[in-house]
Amino acid sequence: MIGLVVVSHSRQLAFGVAELAGQMAPSVKIVPSGGDGMGGLGTSYEAVGEAISQADSGAGVVVLFDLGSAKMVADMAAEEAAGSVMVVDAPLVEGAVAAAVRAQGGAGLPEVAAAAVSAGGGGQDSVEVGGDVVRAEVSLTNSVGLHARPAALVARALASLDAAVVVRFGEEEADAKSVLALMGLGAPGGARIEVAASGADAAEAVRRVEELAARRFDE
């Protein structure tokens, strides 16, 4: 599974982002590297290199960074790393969440990196369903609706399927494989959403969303 490293000038920020992303992707190794190693603000080449080593299970590592020199340090550490490492220019919080959920779904290094980068647009890349479309109306019987963790569960459940899936709420629709796009719908508890899917695994995709809703997203 792809690992993640969160590089920040602030130790607290790096650990907070890693904690948040980890809540939505519990099996993904997410290693924070924040501060200059002496308790101050900054970044440490040695610490970032060590974080990359810790995050790498052999499948590769995506590194996210916050500001200016953090990229330079991340690039230097990535060049010296033994495994495959991609440093991505992505919004730190949204990128880490999107990448973690994609990694949890079993995606490869390029796909996880792309998920982080695309988070800069709020995960709003359009997805079209067409041809033989499977549809279902689903009630969100959990208390928070499609908030962060339920959205992550949906995105992870669909990630490996050969299907284009959209969720509609009111006049809005979102790519069901994008945790950020799902959260952007703002669908609250008690709402009804429409799930529409096409492709070889369309029926399975709709079934998985219905099953999660029936379980109240394990709330």
Foldseek 3Di string as FASTA:
>chain_A
DEAEEEEEQAQVVQVVLQVVLCVLQVVAHYHYFYHCVPPGGDGHLVSLLVRLVVRCPQQEYEYEYDDDCSQVSNVVSCVPHPHHYHYADAHRNQLSNQLSLLVSLPDGDVVSRVSRRCCNVQQAPDFDADDDKDKDKAALQAAFRLAQNLLSQLLSQCNVDFKFKWKDFPPDIHGSNGSRRSNVNRAGHGGIIMMMMDGDCNVVSVVSNNVCSVCSVVD
